Amino acid sequence: MSEVNESDRFECVIVNIIDTLMWKGVTVEEVESGGRVYFGKVKPEGFDYVPGDVLYIGMKRLPYDLEDMEISMEVSLYDDNGKRLDWTFL
């Protein structure tokens, strides 16, 4: 398995969008692995996507001292222009 770089982007498909008063909750599924990630605070301004649309995720390894808390990486959600829409820890 090759090393994942911070600049790598992985194609994913929007599975579900939850509209709240202030944010959009977006669940995406990575195309190759089928793994899903939920992003809970996507700003609604300019977010004109629907389930089935393509977005991208990127990953960044966290410092080793945080791995003790069972958090190993930061995962970010990007649009097709490279704009970061939200992030979460895994």
C-alpha atoms as a PDB file:
ATOM      1  CA  MET A   1       0.000   0.000   0.000  1.00  0.00           C
ATOM      2  CA  SER A   2       1.363   3.427  -0.912  1.00  0.00           C
ATOM      3  CA  GLU A   3       1.749   6.365   1.436  1.00  0.00           C
ATOM      4  CA  VAL A   4      -1.125   8.882   1.470  1.00  0.00           C
ATOM      5  CA  ASN A   5       0.075  12.461   1.078  1.00  0.00           C
ATOM      6  CA  GLU A   6      -1.742  15.474   2.490  1.00  0.00           C
ATOM      7  CA  SER A   7      -2.234  16.797  -1.059  1.00  0.00           C
ATOM      8  CA  ASP A   8      -3.921  13.573  -2.277  1.00  0.00           C
ATOM      9  CA  ARG A   9      -7.643  13.798  -3.025  1.00  0.00           C
ATOM     10  CA  PHE A  10     -10.027  10.868  -3.229  1.00  0.00           C
ATOM     11  CA  GLU A  11     -13.245  10.987  -5.223  1.00  0.00           C
ATOM     12  CA  CYS A  12     -16.417  10.420  -3.249  1.00  0.00           C
ATOM     13  CA  VAL A  13     -20.142  10.534  -3.928  1.00  0.00           C
ATOM     14  CA  ILE A  14     -22.687  12.349  -1.772  1.00  0.00           C
ATOM     15  CA  VAL A  15     -24.954   9.765  -0.148  1.00  0.00           C
ATOM     16  CA  ASN A  16     -27.125  12.000   2.043  1.00  0.00           C
ATOM     17  CA  ILE A  17     -27.596  15.665   2.935  1.00  0.00           C
ATOM     18  CA  ILE A  18     -29.308  16.786   6.137  1.00  0.00           C
ATOM     19  CA  ASP A  19     -30.538  20.390   6.193  1.00  0.00           C
ATOM     20  CA  THR A  20     -30.419  22.050   9.596  1.00  0.00           C
ATOM     21  CA  LEU A  21     -31.027  25.688  10.412  1.00  0.00           C
ATOM     22  CA  MET A  22     -27.366  26.731  10.248  1.00  0.00           C
ATOM     23  CA  TRP A  23     -25.457  23.892   8.563  1.00  0.00           C
ATOM     24  CA  LYS A  24     -25.723  21.014   6.160  1.00  0.00           C
ATOM     25  CA  GLY A  25     -24.782  17.531   7.308  1.00  0.00           C
ATOM     26  CA  VAL A  26     -23.181  15.700   4.393  1.00  0.00           C
ATOM     27  CA  THR A  27     -22.444  11.969   4.209  1.00  0.00           C
ATOM     28  CA  VAL A  28     -20.065  10.925   1.441  1.00  0.00           C
ATOM     29  CA  GLU A  29     -18.895   7.518   0.263  1.00  0.00           C
ATOM     30  CA  GLU A  30     -15.375   7.029  -1.094  1.00  0.00           C
ATOM     31  CA  VAL A  31     -15.683   5.493  -4.566  1.00  0.00           C
ATOM     32  CA  GLU A  32     -12.993   2.787  -4.398  1.00  0.00           C
ATOM     33  CA  SER A  33     -13.279   1.581  -0.790  1.00  0.00           C
ATOM     34  CA  GLY A  34     -16.957   2.226  -0.092  1.00  0.00           C
ATOM     35  CA  GLY A  35     -16.004   3.873   3.222  1.00  0.00           C
ATOM     36  CA  ARG A  36     -18.336   6.602   4.452  1.00  0.00           C
ATOM     37  CA  VAL A  37     -17.603   9.826   6.310  1.00  0.00           C
ATOM     38  CA  TYR A  38     -20.079  12.304   7.815  1.00  0.00           C
ATOM     39  CA  PHE A  39     -19.323  16.037   7.837  1.00  0.00           C
ATOM     40  CA  GLY A  40     -21.693  17.911  10.145  1.00  0.00           C
ATOM     41  CA  LYS A  41     -20.914  21.593   9.613  1.00  0.00           C
ATOM     42  CA  VAL A  42     -20.894  22.375   5.904  1.00  0.00           C
ATOM     43  CA  LYS A  43     -21.903  26.002   5.306  1.00  0.00           C
ATOM     44  CA  PRO A  44     -25.065  26.186   3.196  1.00  0.00           C
ATOM     45  CA  GLU A  45     -23.971  29.297   1.258  1.00  0.00           C
ATOM     46  CA  GLY A  46     -22.969  28.170  -2.223  1.00  0.00           C
ATOM     47  CA  PHE A  47     -23.533  24.488  -1.460  1.00  0.00           C
ATOM     48  CA  ASP A  48     -25.633  23.476  -4.465  1.00  0.00           C
ATOM     49  CA  TYR A  49     -24.973  19.751  -4.405  1.00  0.00           C
ATOM     50  CA  VAL A  50     -27.420  16.848  -4.274  1.00  0.00           C
ATOM     51  CA  PRO A  51     -27.001  13.141  -3.490  1.00  0.00           C
ATOM     52  CA  GLY A  52     -25.074  11.477  -6.308  1.00  0.00           C
ATOM     53  CA  ASP A  53     -22.819  14.499  -6.947  1.00  0.00           C
ATOM     54  CA  VAL A  54     -19.046  14.098  -6.681  1.00  0.00           C
ATOM     55  CA  LEU A  55     -16.891  15.778  -4.010  1.00  0.00           C
ATOM     56  CA  TYR A  56     -13.390  14.956  -2.768  1.00  0.00           C
ATOM     57  CA  ILE A  57     -11.804  14.041   0.550  1.00  0.00           C
ATOM     58  CA  GLY A  58      -8.245  14.582   1.719  1.00  0.00           C
ATOM     59  CA  MET A  59      -6.489  13.133   4.758  1.00  0.00           C
ATOM     60  CA  LYS A  60      -3.788  14.378   7.095  1.00  0.00           C
ATOM     61  CA  ARG A  61      -2.053  12.217   9.705  1.00  0.00           C
ATOM     62  CA  LEU A  62      -2.138  13.685  13.193  1.00  0.00           C
ATOM     63  CA  PRO A  63       0.760  13.849  15.651  1.00  0.00           C
ATOM     64  CA  TYR A  64       1.421  10.558  17.402  1.00  0.00           C
ATOM     65  CA  ASP A  65       0.412  11.884  20.833  1.00  0.00           C
ATOM     66  CA  LEU A  66      -3.192  12.227  19.623  1.00  0.00           C
ATOM     67  CA  GLU A  67      -3.300   8.587  18.541  1.00  0.00           C
ATOM     68  CA  ASP A  68      -3.610   7.652  22.229  1.00  0.00           C
ATOM     69  CA  MET A  69      -7.093   9.194  22.064  1.00  0.00           C
ATOM     70  CA  GLU A  70      -7.903   6.856  19.129  1.00  0.00           C
ATOM     71  CA  ILE A  71      -7.841   9.783  16.696  1.00  0.00           C
ATOM     72  CA  SER A  72      -5.364   9.178  13.911  1.00  0.00           C
ATOM     73  CA  MET A  73      -6.236  11.563  11.085  1.00  0.00           C
ATOM     74  CA  GLU A  74      -8.026  14.703  10.031  1.00  0.00           C
ATOM     75  CA  VAL A  75     -10.291  14.191   7.010  1.00  0.00           C
ATOM     76  CA  SER A  76     -11.352  17.214   4.948  1.00  0.00           C
ATOM     77  CA  LEU A  77     -14.140  17.586   2.393  1.00  0.00           C
ATOM     78  CA  TYR A  78     -13.365  19.557  -0.790  1.00  0.00           C
ATOM     79  CA  ASP A  79     -15.331  20.692  -3.816  1.00  0.00           C
ATOM     80  CA  ASP A  80     -14.045  20.253  -7.374  1.00  0.00           C
ATOM     81  CA  ASN A  81     -12.250  23.624  -7.181  1.00  0.00           C
ATOM     82  CA  GLY A  82     -10.228  22.556  -4.133  1.00  0.00           C
ATOM     83  CA  LYS A  83     -12.236  24.677  -1.660  1.00  0.00           C
ATOM     84  CA  ARG A  84     -12.320  23.093   1.803  1.00  0.00           C
ATOM     85  CA  LEU A  85     -15.957  22.690   2.858  1.00  0.00           C
ATOM     86  CA  ASP A  86     -15.587  20.968   6.255  1.00  0.00           C
ATOM     87  CA  TRP A  87     -13.338  18.626   8.243  1.00  0.00           C
ATOM     88  CA  THR A  88     -13.595  15.924  10.894  1.00  0.00           C
ATOM     89  CA  PHE A  89     -11.375  13.597  12.926  1.00  0.00           C
ATOM     90  CA  LEU A  90     -11.243   9.826  12.450  1.00  0.00           C
END
